[in-house]
Amino acid sequence: MRGSTRTGTLVIDGSDPDVRVVVEVADPVVVHNEAAPDDAVHLTGPSVALVEALSFRAPFPTELAEDDRWLVGGLAATEFDQVEPS
């Protein structure tokens, strides 16, 4: 989030397949799968549904509080490559 001074941690816990991603939003942003602080924001649900939501193609499977939405707001400016079916 270029220019932002806000910091926070987002934990993405997906199932089927099981995946855990911890995103520490600061300067710089750090992504890992280790322990997260107790005050981290958690997104949980089926992994495919989470990927769809994080790429803004579907709603989040669990509600993200209004005060926490800034953690994913930077994704709106991200361009995702589209792969043509083979």
N, C-alpha and C. Protein backbone atom coordinates (compact mmCIF):
# COMPACT_ATOMS: atom_id res chain seq x y z
N MET A 1 0.84 -1.16 0.00
CA MET A 1 0.00 0.00 0.00
C MET A 1 0.89 1.23 0.00
N ARG A 2 1.34 1.57 -1.14
CA ARG A 2 2.29 2.67 -1.31
C ARG A 2 1.78 3.95 -0.68
N GLY A 3 2.63 4.56 0.14
CA GLY A 3 2.30 5.82 0.77
C GLY A 3 1.51 5.69 2.06
N SER A 4 1.05 4.51 2.38
CA SER A 4 0.27 4.33 3.60
C SER A 4 1.18 4.14 4.80
N THR A 5 0.75 4.64 5.93
CA THR A 5 1.51 4.43 7.16
C THR A 5 0.82 3.42 8.07
N ARG A 6 -0.30 2.87 7.61
CA ARG A 6 -1.03 1.88 8.40
C ARG A 6 -0.28 0.56 8.37
N THR A 7 -0.39 -0.18 9.45
CA THR A 7 0.19 -1.52 9.51
C THR A 7 -0.85 -2.47 10.08
N GLY A 8 -0.71 -3.72 9.74
CA GLY A 8 -1.62 -4.74 10.25
C GLY A 8 -1.23 -6.09 9.69
N THR A 9 -1.92 -7.12 10.16
CA THR A 9 -1.61 -8.47 9.70
C THR A 9 -2.90 -9.15 9.27
N LEU A 10 -2.85 -9.79 8.11
CA LEU A 10 -3.96 -10.53 7.57
C LEU A 10 -3.56 -12.00 7.49
N VAL A 11 -4.38 -12.87 8.06
CA VAL A 11 -4.14 -14.31 8.00
C VAL A 11 -5.21 -14.91 7.10
N ILE A 12 -4.78 -15.65 6.10
CA ILE A 12 -5.69 -16.33 5.18
C ILE A 12 -5.58 -17.82 5.47
N ASP A 13 -6.67 -18.40 5.99
CA ASP A 13 -6.72 -19.83 6.31
C ASP A 13 -7.70 -20.50 5.36
N GLY A 14 -7.15 -21.21 4.39
CA GLY A 14 -7.99 -21.89 3.41
C GLY A 14 -8.06 -23.38 3.67
N SER A 15 -9.14 -23.97 3.17
CA SER A 15 -9.31 -25.42 3.29
C SER A 15 -9.63 -26.01 1.92
N ASP A 16 -9.25 -27.25 1.75
CA ASP A 16 -9.55 -28.04 0.54
C ASP A 16 -9.02 -27.39 -0.72
N PRO A 17 -7.72 -27.24 -0.90
CA PRO A 17 -6.64 -27.74 -0.04
C PRO A 17 -6.34 -26.79 1.12
N ASP A 18 -5.74 -27.36 2.16
CA ASP A 18 -5.36 -26.58 3.33
C ASP A 18 -4.19 -25.66 3.00
N VAL A 19 -4.34 -24.40 3.35
CA VAL A 19 -3.29 -23.41 3.13
C VAL A 19 -3.40 -22.33 4.20
N ARG A 20 -2.27 -21.81 4.60
CA ARG A 20 -2.23 -20.71 5.57
C ARG A 20 -1.20 -19.71 5.08
N VAL A 21 -1.63 -18.47 4.93
CA VAL A 21 -0.75 -17.40 4.48
C VAL A 21 -0.92 -16.24 5.46
N VAL A 22 0.20 -15.71 5.93
CA VAL A 22 0.19 -14.56 6.82
C VAL A 22 0.81 -13.39 6.06
N VAL A 23 0.07 -12.30 5.96
CA VAL A 23 0.54 -11.11 5.25
C VAL A 23 0.69 -9.99 6.26
N GLU A 24 1.92 -9.57 6.49
CA GLU A 24 2.19 -8.44 7.38
C GLU A 24 2.26 -7.19 6.51
N VAL A 25 1.24 -6.34 6.63
CA VAL A 25 1.16 -5.14 5.82
C VAL A 25 1.88 -4.03 6.56
N ALA A 26 3.03 -3.66 6.05
CA ALA A 26 3.88 -2.61 6.63
C ALA A 26 4.80 -2.16 5.50
N ASP A 27 5.91 -1.58 5.84
CA ASP A 27 6.90 -1.19 4.84
C ASP A 27 8.21 -1.88 5.17
N PRO A 28 8.53 -2.97 4.52
CA PRO A 28 7.87 -3.61 3.38
C PRO A 28 6.81 -4.61 3.83
N VAL A 29 5.99 -5.05 2.87
CA VAL A 29 5.02 -6.12 3.12
C VAL A 29 5.78 -7.44 3.18
N VAL A 30 5.45 -8.27 4.17
CA VAL A 30 6.10 -9.57 4.33
C VAL A 30 5.04 -10.65 4.31
N VAL A 31 5.26 -11.71 3.53
CA VAL A 31 4.33 -12.83 3.43
C VAL A 31 5.05 -14.08 3.92
N HIS A 32 4.38 -14.82 4.81
CA HIS A 32 4.97 -16.05 5.35
C HIS A 32 3.85 -16.95 5.85
N ASN A 33 4.20 -18.10 6.43
CA ASN A 33 3.19 -19.02 6.96
C ASN A 33 3.47 -19.37 8.41
N GLU A 34 4.10 -18.46 9.13
CA GLU A 34 4.43 -18.70 10.53
C GLU A 34 3.39 -18.05 11.44
N ALA A 35 3.69 -17.95 12.72
CA ALA A 35 2.74 -17.41 13.70
C ALA A 35 2.39 -15.96 13.38
N ALA A 36 1.15 -15.60 13.72
CA ALA A 36 0.67 -14.24 13.51
C ALA A 36 0.31 -13.64 14.87
N PRO A 37 0.33 -12.31 14.97
CA PRO A 37 -0.04 -11.69 16.24
C PRO A 37 -1.51 -11.96 16.59
N ASP A 38 -1.82 -11.86 17.86
CA ASP A 38 -3.18 -12.14 18.34
C ASP A 38 -4.22 -11.21 17.73
N ASP A 39 -3.83 -10.00 17.36
CA ASP A 39 -4.80 -9.05 16.81
C ASP A 39 -4.92 -9.11 15.28
N ALA A 40 -4.36 -10.15 14.67
CA ALA A 40 -4.43 -10.30 13.21
C ALA A 40 -5.87 -10.49 12.76
N VAL A 41 -6.15 -10.02 11.56
CA VAL A 41 -7.45 -10.20 10.93
C VAL A 41 -7.41 -11.55 10.22
N HIS A 42 -8.47 -12.36 10.37
CA HIS A 42 -8.50 -13.70 9.78
C HIS A 42 -9.57 -13.79 8.70
N LEU A 43 -9.17 -14.34 7.57
CA LEU A 43 -10.11 -14.73 6.52
C LEU A 43 -10.06 -16.24 6.43
N THR A 44 -11.20 -16.89 6.54
CA THR A 44 -11.24 -18.35 6.49
C THR A 44 -12.31 -18.79 5.50
N GLY A 45 -12.10 -19.98 4.95
CA GLY A 45 -13.07 -20.56 4.03
C GLY A 45 -12.38 -21.49 3.07
N PRO A 46 -13.13 -22.01 2.13
CA PRO A 46 -12.52 -22.86 1.10
C PRO A 46 -11.48 -22.07 0.31
N SER A 47 -10.36 -22.71 0.01
CA SER A 47 -9.25 -22.02 -0.66
C SER A 47 -9.66 -21.38 -1.99
N VAL A 48 -10.43 -22.10 -2.79
CA VAL A 48 -10.84 -21.55 -4.09
C VAL A 48 -11.71 -20.31 -3.89
N ALA A 49 -12.62 -20.35 -2.92
CA ALA A 49 -13.48 -19.20 -2.65
C ALA A 49 -12.65 -18.00 -2.18
N LEU A 50 -11.62 -18.25 -1.39
CA LEU A 50 -10.76 -17.16 -0.94
C LEU A 50 -9.98 -16.53 -2.10
N VAL A 51 -9.47 -17.36 -3.00
CA VAL A 51 -8.75 -16.84 -4.17
C VAL A 51 -9.69 -16.01 -5.03
N GLU A 52 -10.90 -16.50 -5.24
CA GLU A 52 -11.88 -15.75 -6.02
C GLU A 52 -12.20 -14.40 -5.37
N ALA A 53 -12.35 -14.40 -4.05
CA ALA A 53 -12.65 -13.16 -3.33
C ALA A 53 -11.47 -12.19 -3.35
N LEU A 54 -10.27 -12.70 -3.14
CA LEU A 54 -9.09 -11.83 -3.13
C LEU A 54 -8.80 -11.24 -4.50
N SER A 55 -9.31 -11.86 -5.56
CA SER A 55 -9.15 -11.30 -6.90
C SER A 55 -10.42 -10.56 -7.34
N PHE A 56 -11.33 -10.32 -6.38
CA PHE A 56 -12.55 -9.54 -6.58
C PHE A 56 -13.49 -10.11 -7.63
N ARG A 57 -13.50 -11.44 -7.73
CA ARG A 57 -14.44 -12.10 -8.65
C ARG A 57 -15.64 -12.67 -7.92
N ALA A 58 -15.59 -12.68 -6.58
CA ALA A 58 -16.68 -13.23 -5.77
C ALA A 58 -16.61 -12.59 -4.39
N PRO A 59 -17.70 -12.67 -3.63
CA PRO A 59 -17.67 -12.13 -2.26
C PRO A 59 -16.82 -13.01 -1.34
N PHE A 60 -16.34 -12.44 -0.25
CA PHE A 60 -15.58 -13.21 0.72
C PHE A 60 -16.48 -14.24 1.39
N PRO A 61 -15.98 -15.46 1.63
CA PRO A 61 -16.80 -16.48 2.28
C PRO A 61 -17.10 -16.16 3.75
N THR A 62 -16.29 -15.30 4.37
CA THR A 62 -16.56 -14.81 5.72
C THR A 62 -16.50 -13.29 5.67
N GLU A 63 -17.32 -12.66 6.49
CA GLU A 63 -17.40 -11.20 6.49
C GLU A 63 -16.09 -10.57 6.95
N LEU A 64 -15.68 -9.55 6.27
CA LEU A 64 -14.50 -8.78 6.64
C LEU A 64 -15.01 -7.46 7.21
N ALA A 65 -14.68 -7.18 8.46
CA ALA A 65 -15.17 -5.96 9.12
C ALA A 65 -14.77 -4.71 8.34
N GLU A 66 -15.62 -3.72 8.35
CA GLU A 66 -15.38 -2.47 7.64
C GLU A 66 -14.01 -1.88 7.98
N ASP A 67 -13.63 -1.88 9.25
CA ASP A 67 -12.35 -1.32 9.68
C ASP A 67 -11.15 -2.11 9.18
N ASP A 68 -11.37 -3.35 8.74
CA ASP A 68 -10.26 -4.21 8.30
C ASP A 68 -10.15 -4.30 6.78
N ARG A 69 -11.08 -3.74 6.06
CA ARG A 69 -11.09 -3.87 4.59
C ARG A 69 -9.91 -3.21 3.91
N TRP A 70 -9.28 -2.26 4.58
CA TRP A 70 -8.12 -1.60 3.99
C TRP A 70 -6.99 -2.60 3.72
N LEU A 71 -6.97 -3.71 4.50
CA LEU A 71 -5.91 -4.72 4.33
C LEU A 71 -5.94 -5.36 2.95
N VAL A 72 -7.10 -5.43 2.34
CA VAL A 72 -7.19 -6.01 1.00
C VAL A 72 -7.44 -4.94 -0.07
N GLY A 73 -7.58 -3.69 0.33
CA GLY A 73 -7.88 -2.61 -0.60
C GLY A 73 -6.85 -2.43 -1.69
N GLY A 74 -5.59 -2.67 -1.39
CA GLY A 74 -4.53 -2.52 -2.39
C GLY A 74 -4.65 -3.51 -3.52
N LEU A 75 -5.36 -4.61 -3.30
CA LEU A 75 -5.52 -5.60 -4.36
C LEU A 75 -6.37 -5.08 -5.51
N ALA A 76 -7.22 -4.08 -5.23
CA ALA A 76 -8.08 -3.54 -6.27
C ALA A 76 -7.26 -2.93 -7.41
N ALA A 77 -6.06 -2.47 -7.12
CA ALA A 77 -5.20 -1.86 -8.14
C ALA A 77 -4.26 -2.88 -8.78
N THR A 78 -4.36 -4.14 -8.35
CA THR A 78 -3.48 -5.19 -8.87
C THR A 78 -4.07 -5.78 -10.14
N GLU A 79 -3.24 -5.94 -11.14
CA GLU A 79 -3.68 -6.59 -12.38
C GLU A 79 -3.29 -8.05 -12.32
N PHE A 80 -4.27 -8.91 -12.48
CA PHE A 80 -4.02 -10.35 -12.46
C PHE A 80 -3.95 -10.85 -13.89
N ASP A 81 -2.91 -11.63 -14.19
CA ASP A 81 -2.77 -12.21 -15.52
C ASP A 81 -3.87 -13.22 -15.76
N GLN A 82 -4.41 -13.22 -16.95
CA GLN A 82 -5.42 -14.18 -17.34
C GLN A 82 -4.75 -15.21 -18.24
N VAL A 83 -4.87 -16.46 -17.88
CA VAL A 83 -4.28 -17.54 -18.67
C VAL A 83 -5.35 -18.11 -19.60
N GLU A 84 -5.02 -18.19 -20.86
CA GLU A 84 -5.94 -18.75 -21.82
C GLU A 84 -6.01 -20.27 -21.65
N PRO A 85 -7.20 -20.86 -21.72
CA PRO A 85 -7.31 -22.31 -21.60
C PRO A 85 -6.53 -22.99 -22.73
N SER A 86 -5.94 -24.13 -22.41
CA SER A 86 -5.17 -24.83 -23.45
C SER A 86 -5.99 -25.87 -24.15
